[in-house]
Amino acid sequence: MTFGTVQVHPDGNPIMVMADHQTTGSYSKIAQVISADLPLLAQTNLGGKVSFRLVSLRTAKQKHVQQQLAVHKLRRGMEQMARS
């Protein structure tokens, strides 16, 4: 099991596997949340509504790179502020 796997419970409810995920899964796996969207998913309230959209591996990788660049830029800005 990986962080972001979406499983379906026998009652039809989805289970989003997050940081406390198990090592193996017992329910059907239907999707994988892209890594760039995991912080958004983590902020969703229990019972909150989420929607899914199919994206290509290429798009998922691009979004991950964009997110990493934004985090790097934020860190540089914070370091500059700390030095001022």
C-alpha atoms as a PDB file:
ATOM      1  CA  MET A   1       0.000   0.000   0.000  1.00  0.00           C
ATOM      2  CA  THR A   2       1.229   3.464  -0.779  1.00  0.00           C
ATOM      3  CA  PHE A   3       0.310   6.876   0.545  1.00  0.00           C
ATOM      4  CA  GLY A   4      -2.649   8.074  -1.540  1.00  0.00           C
ATOM      5  CA  THR A   5      -4.136   4.714  -2.558  1.00  0.00           C
ATOM      6  CA  VAL A   6      -7.923   4.737  -2.816  1.00  0.00           C
ATOM      7  CA  GLN A   7      -9.662   1.554  -1.720  1.00  0.00           C
ATOM      8  CA  VAL A   8     -13.362   0.685  -1.724  1.00  0.00           C
ATOM      9  CA  HIS A   9     -14.892  -0.830   1.396  1.00  0.00           C
ATOM     10  CA  PRO A  10     -17.463  -3.604   0.780  1.00  0.00           C
ATOM     11  CA  ASP A  11     -20.210  -1.135   1.741  1.00  0.00           C
ATOM     12  CA  GLY A  12     -19.169   1.049  -1.204  1.00  0.00           C
ATOM     13  CA  ASN A  13     -17.491   3.811   0.776  1.00  0.00           C
ATOM     14  CA  PRO A  14     -14.027   4.904  -0.338  1.00  0.00           C
ATOM     15  CA  ILE A  15     -11.035   4.684   1.963  1.00  0.00           C
ATOM     16  CA  MET A  16      -8.191   7.107   1.326  1.00  0.00           C
ATOM     17  CA  VAL A  17      -4.933   5.581   2.535  1.00  0.00           C
ATOM     18  CA  MET A  18      -2.829   8.299   4.105  1.00  0.00           C
ATOM     19  CA  ALA A  19       0.241   8.533   6.376  1.00  0.00           C
ATOM     20  CA  ASP A  20      -0.956   5.785   8.705  1.00  0.00           C
ATOM     21  CA  HIS A  21      -1.394   3.302   5.860  1.00  0.00           C
ATOM     22  CA  GLN A  22      -1.036  -0.418   6.335  1.00  0.00           C
ATOM     23  CA  THR A  23       1.554  -2.455   4.461  1.00  0.00           C
ATOM     24  CA  THR A  24      -0.967  -4.584   2.579  1.00  0.00           C
ATOM     25  CA  GLY A  25      -4.517  -3.934   1.479  1.00  0.00           C
ATOM     26  CA  SER A  26      -7.564  -6.095   1.735  1.00  0.00           C
ATOM     27  CA  TYR A  27     -10.084  -4.072  -0.275  1.00  0.00           C
ATOM     28  CA  SER A  28     -10.219  -3.320  -3.982  1.00  0.00           C
ATOM     29  CA  LYS A  29      -7.835  -0.564  -5.039  1.00  0.00           C
ATOM     30  CA  ILE A  30      -9.446   1.744  -7.592  1.00  0.00           C
ATOM     31  CA  ALA A  31      -7.186   4.779  -7.817  1.00  0.00           C
ATOM     32  CA  GLN A  32      -4.041   6.548  -6.692  1.00  0.00           C
ATOM     33  CA  VAL A  33      -4.043  10.199  -5.637  1.00  0.00           C
ATOM     34  CA  ILE A  34      -1.105  12.021  -7.236  1.00  0.00           C
ATOM     35  CA  SER A  35       1.549  13.168  -4.793  1.00  0.00           C
ATOM     36  CA  ALA A  36       0.948  16.857  -5.559  1.00  0.00           C
ATOM     37  CA  ASP A  37      -2.653  16.506  -4.348  1.00  0.00           C
ATOM     38  CA  LEU A  38      -1.928  14.628  -1.118  1.00  0.00           C
ATOM     39  CA  PRO A  39      -1.637  17.832   0.997  1.00  0.00           C
ATOM     40  CA  LEU A  40      -5.089  18.884  -0.239  1.00  0.00           C
ATOM     41  CA  LEU A  41      -6.540  15.478   0.522  1.00  0.00           C
ATOM     42  CA  ALA A  42      -5.003  15.564   4.005  1.00  0.00           C
ATOM     43  CA  GLN A  43      -6.944  18.771   4.735  1.00  0.00           C
ATOM     44  CA  THR A  44     -10.294  17.220   3.845  1.00  0.00           C
ATOM     45  CA  ASN A  45     -12.625  16.663   6.779  1.00  0.00           C
ATOM     46  CA  LEU A  46     -13.887  13.180   7.585  1.00  0.00           C
ATOM     47  CA  GLY A  47     -16.912  12.643   5.373  1.00  0.00           C
ATOM     48  CA  GLY A  48     -15.884  15.558   3.153  1.00  0.00           C
ATOM     49  CA  LYS A  49     -16.496  15.416  -0.566  1.00  0.00           C
ATOM     50  CA  VAL A  50     -13.690  14.779  -2.997  1.00  0.00           C
ATOM     51  CA  SER A  51     -13.755  14.369  -6.738  1.00  0.00           C
ATOM     52  CA  PHE A  52     -11.341  12.555  -8.970  1.00  0.00           C
ATOM     53  CA  ARG A  53     -10.029  13.285 -12.427  1.00  0.00           C
ATOM     54  CA  LEU A  54      -7.930  10.988 -14.540  1.00  0.00           C
ATOM     55  CA  VAL A  55      -4.491  12.442 -15.259  1.00  0.00           C
ATOM     56  CA  SER A  56      -1.578  11.047 -17.184  1.00  0.00           C
ATOM     57  CA  LEU A  57       1.653  10.041 -15.512  1.00  0.00           C
ATOM     58  CA  ARG A  58       3.308  12.926 -17.326  1.00  0.00           C
ATOM     59  CA  THR A  59       0.836  15.442 -15.849  1.00  0.00           C
ATOM     60  CA  ALA A  60       1.285  13.940 -12.377  1.00  0.00           C
ATOM     61  CA  LYS A  61       5.053  14.315 -12.674  1.00  0.00           C
ATOM     62  CA  GLN A  62       4.731  17.915 -13.926  1.00  0.00           C
ATOM     63  CA  LYS A  63       2.486  18.832 -11.004  1.00  0.00           C
ATOM     64  CA  HIS A  64       4.940  17.230  -8.585  1.00  0.00           C
ATOM     65  CA  VAL A  65       7.852  19.215 -10.033  1.00  0.00           C
ATOM     66  CA  GLN A  66       5.817  22.454  -9.900  1.00  0.00           C
ATOM     67  CA  GLN A  67       4.961  21.782  -6.276  1.00  0.00           C
ATOM     68  CA  GLN A  68       8.584  21.079  -5.373  1.00  0.00           C
ATOM     69  CA  LEU A  69       9.712  24.291  -7.080  1.00  0.00           C
ATOM     70  CA  ALA A  70       7.083  26.290  -5.169  1.00  0.00           C
ATOM     71  CA  VAL A  71       8.236  24.777  -1.859  1.00  0.00           C
ATOM     72  CA  HIS A  72      11.864  25.559  -2.718  1.00  0.00           C
ATOM     73  CA  LYS A  73      10.949  29.168  -3.578  1.00  0.00           C
ATOM     74  CA  LEU A  74       9.051  29.532  -0.314  1.00  0.00           C
ATOM     75  CA  ARG A  75      11.993  28.176   1.681  1.00  0.00           C
ATOM     76  CA  ARG A  76      14.398  30.597  -0.017  1.00  0.00           C
ATOM     77  CA  GLY A  77      12.059  33.492   0.774  1.00  0.00           C
ATOM     78  CA  MET A  78      11.820  32.450   4.405  1.00  0.00           C
ATOM     79  CA  GLU A  79      15.607  32.149   4.669  1.00  0.00           C
ATOM     80  CA  GLN A  80      16.021  35.636   3.209  1.00  0.00           C
ATOM     81  CA  MET A  81      13.493  37.044   5.676  1.00  0.00           C
ATOM     82  CA  ALA A  82      15.307  35.372   8.561  1.00  0.00           C
ATOM     83  CA  ARG A  83      18.598  36.995   7.514  1.00  0.00           C
ATOM     84  CA  SER A  84      17.067  40.483   7.313  1.00  0.00           C
END
